[in-house]
Amino acid sequence: MFQQLGVIGCGLMGGSFALAMKRAGLVRRVVGYSKSPSTTEAAKRLGVIDVAAESALLAVSGSDIVLIAVPVSATENTLKAIRHLVNPGVLFMDVGSTKCDVIEAARRALGERAASFVPCHPIAGKESGGVQHAEANLYEGRQVILTPQSFTTPELVQKATDVWSALGATVLKMRPHNHDAAFAAVSHLPHLLAYAYFQAIAEQPAARDYLSLAGPGFRDFTRIAASEPSVWRDILLANKHEVLAQSKRFRTMLDQLEALIETGDAVALEAALRPIAEGRSAWTLPTIPPGRPAAK
């Protein structure tokens, strides 16, 4: 059991981690800090945290485990603010959706103290952010990706693995570049497309009429376009090279399908669509049993 969890960023992800740690009986006390005092106050009122800290540094003081749940663009400044309390033996983790930029931020901000920082990415979340949407079971049955570096303290990597596993998650390890390339394809580009598609309809003169006729397919396809813009601004910019590479691949495929529509070639169009439909039908959302050993 940990004596104190320090949470920097008491929103959906940080709040859910605190609730999960409490429910699992893994921590005695939770101290939280958010840039917005109203968020910290709400977290305390809702029982997500026990003590509201007035600064990130005070949230870290006395903590033997720390979760940094801030936008990826704020990672470096956050680490600089707590640098003097990033001590050996204390587990520091983040929840950022990009990893190369976060690791570089940790190098710059912490220097040798970066050995205590274990980069993490829980594959979990909701369209609606905020501590009011935090749930103790948010990480159950989900995957958590760790991208430790050669200088990361091995004992802390194991401790991070044990913590996430105890919360019901399955822990995997990846190289940061592989992580960012993979999530550009399966997460970051889909969000970009959903934003672009919805806006392409919304800015048309007949948008109100079109949207009034939309059904479940439209709802499902555009669901993630309701995600917090500031969060996705940071993710798309932080991982821009991989996102743009995936966007070019998408444009190539779209161009090919549009060309078949343009020529009216029904046989060729169906032949192009059929393997895509079969591939999607064969795909299922990964369901990896919690507790499986971490894999590289």
C-alpha atoms as a PDB file:
ATOM      1  CA  MET A   1       0.000   0.000   0.000  1.00  0.00           C
ATOM      2  CA  PHE A   2       1.112   3.548  -0.746  1.00  0.00           C
ATOM      3  CA  GLN A   3       0.960   6.124   2.011  1.00  0.00           C
ATOM      4  CA  GLN A   4       0.073   9.076  -0.230  1.00  0.00           C
ATOM      5  CA  LEU A   5      -0.907   9.571  -3.842  1.00  0.00           C
ATOM      6  CA  GLY A   6      -0.240  12.958  -5.346  1.00  0.00           C
ATOM      7  CA  VAL A   7      -2.469  13.780  -8.323  1.00  0.00           C
ATOM      8  CA  ILE A   8      -1.556  16.715 -10.542  1.00  0.00           C
ATOM      9  CA  GLY A   9      -4.579  17.329 -12.722  1.00  0.00           C
ATOM     10  CA  CYS A  10      -7.783  16.220 -10.997  1.00  0.00           C
ATOM     11  CA  GLY A  11      -9.870  15.762 -14.137  1.00  0.00           C
ATOM     12  CA  LEU A  12     -11.312  12.620 -15.680  1.00  0.00           C
ATOM     13  CA  MET A  13      -8.079  10.631 -15.895  1.00  0.00           C
ATOM     14  CA  GLY A  14      -6.446  11.772 -12.666  1.00  0.00           C
ATOM     15  CA  GLY A  15      -9.718  11.628 -10.765  1.00  0.00           C
ATOM     16  CA  SER A  16     -10.507   8.133 -12.010  1.00  0.00           C
ATOM     17  CA  PHE A  17      -7.030   6.947 -11.008  1.00  0.00           C
ATOM     18  CA  ALA A  18      -7.510   8.336  -7.505  1.00  0.00           C
ATOM     19  CA  LEU A  19     -10.914   6.666  -7.154  1.00  0.00           C
ATOM     20  CA  ALA A  20      -9.541   3.379  -8.473  1.00  0.00           C
ATOM     21  CA  MET A  21      -6.608   3.469  -6.066  1.00  0.00           C
ATOM     22  CA  LYS A  22      -8.964   4.138  -3.167  1.00  0.00           C
ATOM     23  CA  ARG A  23     -11.358   1.383  -4.156  1.00  0.00           C
ATOM     24  CA  ALA A  24      -8.514  -1.111  -4.506  1.00  0.00           C
ATOM     25  CA  GLY A  25      -7.205  -0.169  -1.051  1.00  0.00           C
ATOM     26  CA  LEU A  26      -3.820   0.784  -2.480  1.00  0.00           C
ATOM     27  CA  VAL A  27      -3.467   4.223  -0.909  1.00  0.00           C
ATOM     28  CA  ARG A  28      -4.134   5.793   2.486  1.00  0.00           C
ATOM     29  CA  ARG A  29      -4.448   9.419   1.403  1.00  0.00           C
ATOM     30  CA  VAL A  30      -4.847  11.350  -1.859  1.00  0.00           C
ATOM     31  CA  VAL A  31      -3.591  14.903  -2.285  1.00  0.00           C
ATOM     32  CA  GLY A  32      -4.632  16.684  -5.449  1.00  0.00           C
ATOM     33  CA  TYR A  33      -3.802  19.835  -7.365  1.00  0.00           C
ATOM     34  CA  SER A  34      -5.317  21.347 -10.497  1.00  0.00           C
ATOM     35  CA  LYS A  35      -4.553  24.585 -12.251  1.00  0.00           C
ATOM     36  CA  SER A  36      -8.189  25.559 -11.757  1.00  0.00           C
ATOM     37  CA  PRO A  37      -9.049  25.874  -8.039  1.00  0.00           C
ATOM     38  CA  SER A  38     -12.676  25.040  -8.815  1.00  0.00           C
ATOM     39  CA  THR A  39     -11.586  21.650 -10.175  1.00  0.00           C
ATOM     40  CA  THR A  40      -9.580  20.879  -7.045  1.00  0.00           C
ATOM     41  CA  GLU A  41     -12.490  21.964  -4.857  1.00  0.00           C
ATOM     42  CA  ALA A  42     -14.899  19.775  -6.823  1.00  0.00           C
ATOM     43  CA  ALA A  43     -12.524  16.816  -6.542  1.00  0.00           C
ATOM     44  CA  LYS A  44     -12.462  17.183  -2.766  1.00  0.00           C
ATOM     45  CA  ARG A  45     -16.223  17.664  -2.536  1.00  0.00           C
ATOM     46  CA  LEU A  46     -16.799  14.513  -4.589  1.00  0.00           C
ATOM     47  CA  GLY A  47     -14.407  12.483  -2.436  1.00  0.00           C
ATOM     48  CA  VAL A  48     -11.932  11.988  -5.266  1.00  0.00           C
ATOM     49  CA  ILE A  49      -9.121  13.545  -3.231  1.00  0.00           C
ATOM     50  CA  ASP A  50      -8.727  13.956   0.518  1.00  0.00           C
ATOM     51  CA  VAL A  51      -6.610  17.095   0.566  1.00  0.00           C
ATOM     52  CA  ALA A  52      -6.506  20.004  -1.888  1.00  0.00           C
ATOM     53  CA  ALA A  53      -2.967  21.252  -2.523  1.00  0.00           C
ATOM     54  CA  GLU A  54      -2.245  24.848  -3.483  1.00  0.00           C
ATOM     55  CA  SER A  55       0.524  23.893  -5.904  1.00  0.00           C
ATOM     56  CA  ALA A  56       1.843  20.944  -7.844  1.00  0.00           C
ATOM     57  CA  LEU A  57       4.880  20.864  -5.583  1.00  0.00           C
ATOM     58  CA  LEU A  58       2.711  20.567  -2.465  1.00  0.00           C
ATOM     59  CA  ALA A  59       0.787  17.696  -4.087  1.00  0.00           C
ATOM     60  CA  VAL A  60       4.090  15.864  -4.519  1.00  0.00           C
ATOM     61  CA  SER A  61       5.418  16.634  -1.032  1.00  0.00           C
ATOM     62  CA  GLY A  62       5.106  13.510   1.116  1.00  0.00           C
ATOM     63  CA  SER A  63       3.784  11.377  -1.741  1.00  0.00           C
ATOM     64  CA  ASP A  64       5.299   8.007  -2.593  1.00  0.00           C
ATOM     65  CA  ILE A  65       3.366   7.765  -5.882  1.00  0.00           C
ATOM     66  CA  VAL A  66       2.489  10.659  -8.195  1.00  0.00           C
ATOM     67  CA  LEU A  67       0.235  10.752 -11.260  1.00  0.00           C
ATOM     68  CA  ILE A  68       0.624  13.659 -13.676  1.00  0.00           C
ATOM     69  CA  ALA A  69      -2.650  14.000 -15.586  1.00  0.00           C
ATOM     70  CA  VAL A  70      -2.202  17.284 -17.446  1.00  0.00           C
ATOM     71  CA  PRO A  71      -2.354  18.093 -21.188  1.00  0.00           C
ATOM     72  CA  VAL A  72       0.776  16.839 -22.926  1.00  0.00           C
ATOM     73  CA  SER A  73       1.806  20.413 -23.741  1.00  0.00           C
ATOM     74  CA  ALA A  74       1.910  21.187 -20.004  1.00  0.00           C
ATOM     75  CA  THR A  75       4.106  18.222 -19.092  1.00  0.00           C
ATOM     76  CA  GLU A  76       7.457  19.991 -19.169  1.00  0.00           C
ATOM     77  CA  ASN A  77       6.381  22.969 -17.072  1.00  0.00           C
ATOM     78  CA  THR A  78       4.713  20.641 -14.588  1.00  0.00           C
ATOM     79  CA  LEU A  79       7.850  18.544 -14.224  1.00  0.00           C
ATOM     80  CA  LYS A  80       9.976  21.661 -13.810  1.00  0.00           C
ATOM     81  CA  ALA A  81       7.667  22.833 -11.017  1.00  0.00           C
ATOM     82  CA  ILE A  82       8.103  19.595  -9.059  1.00  0.00           C
ATOM     83  CA  ARG A  83      11.695  18.798 -10.039  1.00  0.00           C
ATOM     84  CA  HIS A  84      13.202  19.229  -6.576  1.00  0.00           C
ATOM     85  CA  LEU A  85      10.908  16.585  -5.101  1.00  0.00           C
ATOM     86  CA  VAL A  86      11.388  13.997  -7.853  1.00  0.00           C
ATOM     87  CA  ASN A  87      13.385  11.661  -5.647  1.00  0.00           C
ATOM     88  CA  PRO A  88      14.603   8.079  -6.160  1.00  0.00           C
ATOM     89  CA  GLY A  89      12.106   5.481  -5.028  1.00  0.00           C
ATOM     90  CA  VAL A  90       9.052   7.671  -5.643  1.00  0.00           C
ATOM     91  CA  LEU A  91       6.994   6.512  -8.626  1.00  0.00           C
ATOM     92  CA  PHE A  92       6.071   9.281 -11.080  1.00  0.00           C
ATOM     93  CA  MET A  93       3.736   8.470 -13.990  1.00  0.00           C
ATOM     94  CA  ASP A  94       1.795  10.379 -16.637  1.00  0.00           C
ATOM     95  CA  VAL A  95      -1.257   9.528 -18.756  1.00  0.00           C
ATOM     96  CA  GLY A  96      -0.348  11.341 -21.981  1.00  0.00           C
ATOM     97  CA  SER A  97      -1.573  10.066 -25.356  1.00  0.00           C
ATOM     98  CA  THR A  98       1.783  10.841 -26.972  1.00  0.00           C
ATOM     99  CA  LYS A  99       5.069   9.569 -25.632  1.00  0.00           C
ATOM    100  CA  CYS A 100       8.079  10.826 -27.621  1.00  0.00           C
ATOM    101  CA  ASP A 101       7.385  14.454 -26.705  1.00  0.00           C
ATOM    102  CA  VAL A 102       6.610  13.580 -23.076  1.00  0.00           C
ATOM    103  CA  ILE A 103       9.862  11.662 -22.694  1.00  0.00           C
ATOM    104  CA  GLU A 104      11.871  14.515 -24.187  1.00  0.00           C
ATOM    105  CA  ALA A 105      10.097  16.934 -21.852  1.00  0.00           C
ATOM    106  CA  ALA A 106      11.072  14.729 -18.906  1.00  0.00           C
ATOM    107  CA  ARG A 107      14.708  14.671 -20.037  1.00  0.00           C
ATOM    108  CA  ARG A 108      14.848  18.451 -20.288  1.00  0.00           C
ATOM    109  CA  ALA A 109      12.977  19.168 -17.073  1.00  0.00           C
ATOM    110  CA  LEU A 110      14.382  16.481 -14.803  1.00  0.00           C
ATOM    111  CA  GLY A 111      17.826  15.542 -16.072  1.00  0.00           C
ATOM    112  CA  GLU A 112      19.082  12.538 -14.099  1.00  0.00           C
ATOM    113  CA  ARG A 113      15.915  12.590 -12.001  1.00  0.00           C
ATOM    114  CA  ALA A 114      14.008  11.371 -15.069  1.00  0.00           C
ATOM    115  CA  ALA A 115      14.951   7.871 -13.875  1.00  0.00           C
ATOM    116  CA  SER A 116      11.963   8.092 -11.507  1.00  0.00           C
ATOM    117  CA  PHE A 117       9.507   8.903 -14.306  1.00  0.00           C
ATOM    118  CA  VAL A 118       7.646   6.023 -15.967  1.00  0.00           C
ATOM    119  CA  PRO A 119       5.808   7.206 -19.113  1.00  0.00           C
ATOM    120  CA  CYS A 120       2.308   5.682 -19.304  1.00  0.00           C
ATOM    121  CA  HIS A 121      -0.679   5.819 -21.638  1.00  0.00           C
ATOM    122  CA  PRO A 122      -3.929   4.266 -20.369  1.00  0.00           C
ATOM    123  CA  ILE A 123      -6.165   3.436 -23.333  1.00  0.00           C
ATOM    124  CA  ALA A 124      -9.255   4.768 -21.630  1.00  0.00           C
ATOM    125  CA  GLY A 125     -11.351   7.902 -21.530  1.00  0.00           C
ATOM    126  CA  LYS A 126     -14.642   9.514 -22.442  1.00  0.00           C
ATOM    127  CA  GLU A 127     -15.830  12.289 -24.713  1.00  0.00           C
ATOM    128  CA  SER A 128     -16.844  14.210 -21.588  1.00  0.00           C
ATOM    129  CA  GLY A 129     -13.938  15.302 -19.435  1.00  0.00           C
ATOM    130  CA  GLY A 130     -13.865  16.740 -15.952  1.00  0.00           C
ATOM    131  CA  VAL A 131     -13.698  15.328 -12.463  1.00  0.00           C
ATOM    132  CA  GLN A 132     -17.483  15.020 -12.350  1.00  0.00           C
ATOM    133  CA  HIS A 133     -17.192  12.192 -14.886  1.00  0.00           C
ATOM    134  CA  ALA A 134     -14.428  10.324 -13.039  1.00  0.00           C
ATOM    135  CA  GLU A 135     -15.107   6.635 -12.410  1.00  0.00           C
ATOM    136  CA  ALA A 136     -13.289   4.089 -10.269  1.00  0.00           C
ATOM    137  CA  ASN A 137     -13.678   1.455 -13.004  1.00  0.00           C
ATOM    138  CA  LEU A 138     -12.408   3.572 -15.916  1.00  0.00           C
ATOM    139  CA  TYR A 139      -9.244   1.485 -16.264  1.00  0.00           C
ATOM    140  CA  GLU A 140     -10.783  -1.948 -15.717  1.00  0.00           C
ATOM    141  CA  GLY A 141     -10.281  -4.244 -18.677  1.00  0.00           C
ATOM    142  CA  ARG A 142      -8.268  -1.593 -20.544  1.00  0.00           C
ATOM    143  CA  GLN A 143      -4.719  -1.625 -21.779  1.00  0.00           C
ATOM    144  CA  VAL A 144      -2.042   0.631 -20.349  1.00  0.00           C
ATOM    145  CA  ILE A 145       1.073   1.198 -22.440  1.00  0.00           C
ATOM    146  CA  LEU A 146       4.394   1.818 -20.689  1.00  0.00           C
ATOM    147  CA  THR A 147       7.296   3.288 -22.657  1.00  0.00           C
ATOM    148  CA  PRO A 148      10.223   3.146 -20.191  1.00  0.00           C
ATOM    149  CA  GLN A 149      13.676   4.230 -21.321  1.00  0.00           C
ATOM    150  CA  SER A 150      17.062   2.658 -20.692  1.00  0.00           C
ATOM    151  CA  PHE A 151      17.618   5.095 -17.826  1.00  0.00           C
ATOM    152  CA  THR A 152      14.244   4.424 -16.152  1.00  0.00           C
ATOM    153  CA  THR A 153      14.632   2.674 -12.785  1.00  0.00           C
ATOM    154  CA  PRO A 154      13.590  -0.971 -13.382  1.00  0.00           C
ATOM    155  CA  GLU A 155      12.050  -1.301  -9.906  1.00  0.00           C
ATOM    156  CA  LEU A 156       9.740   1.627 -10.657  1.00  0.00           C
ATOM    157  CA  VAL A 157       8.730   0.134 -14.009  1.00  0.00           C
ATOM    158  CA  GLN A 158       7.732  -3.015 -12.155  1.00  0.00           C
ATOM    159  CA  LYS A 159       5.926  -0.985  -9.527  1.00  0.00           C
ATOM    160  CA  ALA A 160       3.987   0.872 -12.253  1.00  0.00           C
ATOM    161  CA  THR A 161       3.096  -2.465 -13.852  1.00  0.00           C
ATOM    162  CA  ASP A 162       1.845  -3.789 -10.531  1.00  0.00           C
ATOM    163  CA  VAL A 163      -0.252  -0.686  -9.830  1.00  0.00           C
ATOM    164  CA  TRP A 164      -2.051  -0.655 -13.167  1.00  0.00           C
ATOM    165  CA  SER A 165      -2.571  -4.417 -13.016  1.00  0.00           C
ATOM    166  CA  ALA A 166      -4.119  -4.079  -9.565  1.00  0.00           C
ATOM    167  CA  LEU A 167      -6.597  -1.594 -11.038  1.00  0.00           C
ATOM    168  CA  GLY A 168      -7.757  -4.200 -13.539  1.00  0.00           C
ATOM    169  CA  ALA A 169      -5.709  -3.072 -16.534  1.00  0.00           C
ATOM    170  CA  THR A 170      -3.424  -5.079 -18.794  1.00  0.00           C
ATOM    171  CA  VAL A 171       0.048  -3.590 -19.057  1.00  0.00           C
ATOM    172  CA  LEU A 172       2.066  -3.623 -22.278  1.00  0.00           C
ATOM    173  CA  LYS A 173       5.460  -2.139 -23.080  1.00  0.00           C
ATOM    174  CA  MET A 174       6.344  -0.370 -26.325  1.00  0.00           C
ATOM    175  CA  ARG A 175       9.053   1.817 -27.748  1.00  0.00           C
ATOM    176  CA  PRO A 176       7.840   5.438 -27.768  1.00  0.00           C
ATOM    177  CA  HIS A 177       8.190   5.842 -31.547  1.00  0.00           C
ATOM    178  CA  ASN A 178       6.196   2.671 -32.167  1.00  0.00           C
ATOM    179  CA  HIS A 179       3.574   3.867 -29.715  1.00  0.00           C
ATOM    180  CA  ASP A 180       3.146   7.238 -31.405  1.00  0.00           C
ATOM    181  CA  ALA A 181       2.976   5.695 -34.887  1.00  0.00           C
ATOM    182  CA  ALA A 182       0.371   3.149 -33.805  1.00  0.00           C
ATOM    183  CA  PHE A 183      -1.878   5.634 -32.040  1.00  0.00           C
ATOM    184  CA  ALA A 184      -1.646   8.121 -34.882  1.00  0.00           C
ATOM    185  CA  ALA A 185      -3.265   5.399 -36.984  1.00  0.00           C
ATOM    186  CA  VAL A 186      -5.931   4.075 -34.613  1.00  0.00           C
ATOM    187  CA  SER A 187      -6.734   7.092 -32.436  1.00  0.00           C
ATOM    188  CA  HIS A 188      -5.327  10.435 -33.485  1.00  0.00           C
ATOM    189  CA  LEU A 189      -6.287  10.341 -37.177  1.00  0.00           C
ATOM    190  CA  PRO A 190      -9.840   9.111 -36.421  1.00  0.00           C
ATOM    191  CA  HIS A 191     -10.359  12.109 -34.156  1.00  0.00           C
ATOM    192  CA  LEU A 192      -9.054  14.464 -36.834  1.00  0.00           C
ATOM    193  CA  LEU A 193     -11.363  12.896 -39.427  1.00  0.00           C
ATOM    194  CA  ALA A 194     -14.372  13.067 -37.123  1.00  0.00           C
ATOM    195  CA  TYR A 195     -13.779  16.765 -36.472  1.00  0.00           C
ATOM    196  CA  ALA A 196     -13.316  17.502 -40.185  1.00  0.00           C
ATOM    197  CA  TYR A 197     -16.310  15.440 -41.296  1.00  0.00           C
ATOM    198  CA  PHE A 198     -18.731  16.967 -38.807  1.00  0.00           C
ATOM    199  CA  GLN A 199     -17.613  20.494 -39.638  1.00  0.00           C
ATOM    200  CA  ALA A 200     -17.877  19.843 -43.378  1.00  0.00           C
ATOM    201  CA  ILE A 201     -21.560  19.169 -42.809  1.00  0.00           C
ATOM    202  CA  ALA A 202     -22.143  21.822 -40.142  1.00  0.00           C
ATOM    203  CA  GLU A 203     -20.921  24.680 -42.354  1.00  0.00           C
ATOM    204  CA  GLN A 204     -23.315  23.882 -45.205  1.00  0.00           C
ATOM    205  CA  PRO A 205     -26.447  26.067 -45.603  1.00  0.00           C
ATOM    206  CA  ALA A 206     -28.712  23.024 -45.202  1.00  0.00           C
ATOM    207  CA  ALA A 207     -26.798  21.626 -42.225  1.00  0.00           C
ATOM    208  CA  ARG A 208     -29.727  21.859 -39.823  1.00  0.00           C
ATOM    209  CA  ASP A 209     -31.931  19.825 -42.154  1.00  0.00           C
ATOM    210  CA  TYR A 210     -29.194  17.271 -42.823  1.00  0.00           C
ATOM    211  CA  LEU A 211     -28.456  16.779 -39.138  1.00  0.00           C
ATOM    212  CA  SER A 212     -32.146  16.345 -38.352  1.00  0.00           C
ATOM    213  CA  LEU A 213     -32.126  13.273 -40.592  1.00  0.00           C
ATOM    214  CA  ALA A 214     -28.968  11.695 -39.152  1.00  0.00           C
ATOM    215  CA  GLY A 215     -29.218   8.265 -37.573  1.00  0.00           C
ATOM    216  CA  PRO A 216     -27.163   5.884 -35.423  1.00  0.00           C
ATOM    217  CA  GLY A 217     -24.445   5.492 -38.052  1.00  0.00           C
ATOM    218  CA  PHE A 218     -23.794   9.236 -38.083  1.00  0.00           C
ATOM    219  CA  ARG A 219     -23.919   9.324 -34.291  1.00  0.00           C
ATOM    220  CA  ASP A 220     -21.371   6.533 -33.973  1.00  0.00           C
ATOM    221  CA  PHE A 221     -19.058   7.924 -36.641  1.00  0.00           C
ATOM    222  CA  THR A 222     -18.978  11.436 -35.173  1.00  0.00           C
ATOM    223  CA  ARG A 223     -19.042  10.549 -31.454  1.00  0.00           C
ATOM    224  CA  ILE A 224     -15.398  11.436 -30.891  1.00  0.00           C
ATOM    225  CA  ALA A 225     -15.833  14.847 -32.533  1.00  0.00           C
ATOM    226  CA  ALA A 226     -17.336  15.906 -29.198  1.00  0.00           C
ATOM    227  CA  SER A 227     -13.986  15.324 -27.458  1.00  0.00           C
ATOM    228  CA  GLU A 228     -12.298  18.223 -25.640  1.00  0.00           C
ATOM    229  CA  PRO A 229     -10.676  20.447 -28.329  1.00  0.00           C
ATOM    230  CA  SER A 230      -7.793  21.662 -26.157  1.00  0.00           C
ATOM    231  CA  VAL A 231      -6.749  18.084 -25.412  1.00  0.00           C
ATOM    232  CA  TRP A 232      -6.828  17.082 -29.070  1.00  0.00           C
ATOM    233  CA  ARG A 233      -5.104  20.268 -30.174  1.00  0.00           C
ATOM    234  CA  ASP A 234      -2.151  19.251 -28.029  1.00  0.00           C
ATOM    235  CA  ILE A 235      -2.164  15.614 -29.163  1.00  0.00           C
ATOM    236  CA  LEU A 236      -2.395  16.420 -32.873  1.00  0.00           C
ATOM    237  CA  LEU A 237       0.422  18.958 -32.666  1.00  0.00           C
ATOM    238  CA  ALA A 238       2.618  16.797 -30.450  1.00  0.00           C
ATOM    239  CA  ASN A 239       2.335  13.845 -32.843  1.00  0.00           C
ATOM    240  CA  LYS A 240       1.992  15.842 -36.054  1.00  0.00           C
ATOM    241  CA  HIS A 241       4.527  13.915 -38.150  1.00  0.00           C
ATOM    242  CA  GLU A 242       2.856  10.560 -37.542  1.00  0.00           C
ATOM    243  CA  VAL A 243      -0.645  12.012 -37.855  1.00  0.00           C
ATOM    244  CA  LEU A 244       0.172  13.671 -41.178  1.00  0.00           C
ATOM    245  CA  ALA A 245       1.737  10.450 -42.471  1.00  0.00           C
ATOM    246  CA  GLN A 246      -1.466   8.573 -41.658  1.00  0.00           C
ATOM    247  CA  SER A 247      -3.571  11.359 -43.160  1.00  0.00           C
ATOM    248  CA  LYS A 248      -1.689  11.005 -46.461  1.00  0.00           C
ATOM    249  CA  ARG A 249      -2.393   7.269 -46.476  1.00  0.00           C
ATOM    250  CA  PHE A 250      -6.075   7.992 -45.918  1.00  0.00           C
ATOM    251  CA  ARG A 251      -6.136  10.551 -48.744  1.00  0.00           C
ATOM    252  CA  THR A 252      -4.598   8.007 -51.119  1.00  0.00           C
ATOM    253  CA  MET A 253      -7.295   5.456 -50.338  1.00  0.00           C
ATOM    254  CA  LEU A 254     -10.059   8.064 -50.548  1.00  0.00           C
ATOM    255  CA  ASP A 255      -8.725   9.221 -53.918  1.00  0.00           C
ATOM    256  CA  GLN A 256      -8.800   5.649 -55.207  1.00  0.00           C
ATOM    257  CA  LEU A 257     -12.413   5.128 -54.141  1.00  0.00           C
ATOM    258  CA  GLU A 258     -13.481   8.516 -55.479  1.00  0.00           C
ATOM    259  CA  ALA A 259     -11.929   7.661 -58.857  1.00  0.00           C
ATOM    260  CA  LEU A 260     -14.042   4.515 -59.051  1.00  0.00           C
ATOM    261  CA  ILE A 261     -17.181   6.482 -58.199  1.00  0.00           C
ATOM    262  CA  GLU A 262     -16.278   9.111 -60.784  1.00  0.00           C
ATOM    263  CA  THR A 263     -15.969   6.516 -63.568  1.00  0.00           C
ATOM    264  CA  GLY A 264     -19.147   4.746 -62.482  1.00  0.00           C
ATOM    265  CA  ASP A 265     -17.385   1.388 -62.449  1.00  0.00           C
ATOM    266  CA  ALA A 266     -19.763  -0.578 -60.216  1.00  0.00           C
ATOM    267  CA  VAL A 267     -17.880  -3.862 -60.512  1.00  0.00           C
ATOM    268  CA  ALA A 268     -14.533  -2.340 -59.590  1.00  0.00           C
ATOM    269  CA  LEU A 269     -16.054  -0.283 -56.767  1.00  0.00           C
ATOM    270  CA  GLU A 270     -17.662  -3.338 -55.177  1.00  0.00           C
ATOM    271  CA  ALA A 271     -14.431  -5.280 -55.606  1.00  0.00           C
ATOM    272  CA  ALA A 272     -12.578  -2.518 -53.760  1.00  0.00           C
ATOM    273  CA  LEU A 273     -15.136  -2.266 -50.966  1.00  0.00           C
ATOM    274  CA  ARG A 274     -15.604  -5.990 -50.329  1.00  0.00           C
ATOM    275  CA  PRO A 275     -12.211  -6.816 -48.745  1.00  0.00           C
ATOM    276  CA  ILE A 276     -12.508  -3.666 -46.638  1.00  0.00           C
ATOM    277  CA  ALA A 277     -15.922  -4.739 -45.348  1.00  0.00           C
ATOM    278  CA  GLU A 278     -14.693  -8.279 -44.718  1.00  0.00           C
ATOM    279  CA  GLY A 279     -11.624  -6.991 -42.893  1.00  0.00           C
ATOM    280  CA  ARG A 280     -13.725  -4.777 -40.641  1.00  0.00           C
ATOM    281  CA  SER A 281     -16.212  -7.585 -39.973  1.00  0.00           C
ATOM    282  CA  ALA A 282     -13.383  -9.867 -38.898  1.00  0.00           C
ATOM    283  CA  TRP A 283     -11.885  -7.293 -36.539  1.00  0.00           C
ATOM    284  CA  THR A 284     -12.970  -7.231 -32.896  1.00  0.00           C
ATOM    285  CA  LEU A 285     -11.994  -4.919 -30.085  1.00  0.00           C
ATOM    286  CA  PRO A 286      -9.093  -6.530 -28.195  1.00  0.00           C
ATOM    287  CA  THR A 287     -10.221  -8.044 -24.903  1.00  0.00           C
ATOM    288  CA  ILE A 288      -7.102  -9.051 -23.028  1.00  0.00           C
ATOM    289  CA  PRO A 289      -7.721 -10.616 -19.612  1.00  0.00           C
ATOM    290  CA  PRO A 290      -6.387  -8.473 -16.740  1.00  0.00           C
ATOM    291  CA  GLY A 291      -3.253  -9.814 -15.147  1.00  0.00           C
ATOM    292  CA  ARG A 292      -1.590 -11.046 -18.308  1.00  0.00           C
ATOM    293  CA  PRO A 293       2.188 -10.566 -18.071  1.00  0.00           C
ATOM    294  CA  ALA A 294       3.461  -7.379 -19.639  1.00  0.00           C
ATOM    295  CA  ALA A 295       4.743  -7.855 -23.187  1.00  0.00           C
ATOM    296  CA  LYS A 296       7.272  -5.906 -25.196  1.00  0.00           C
END
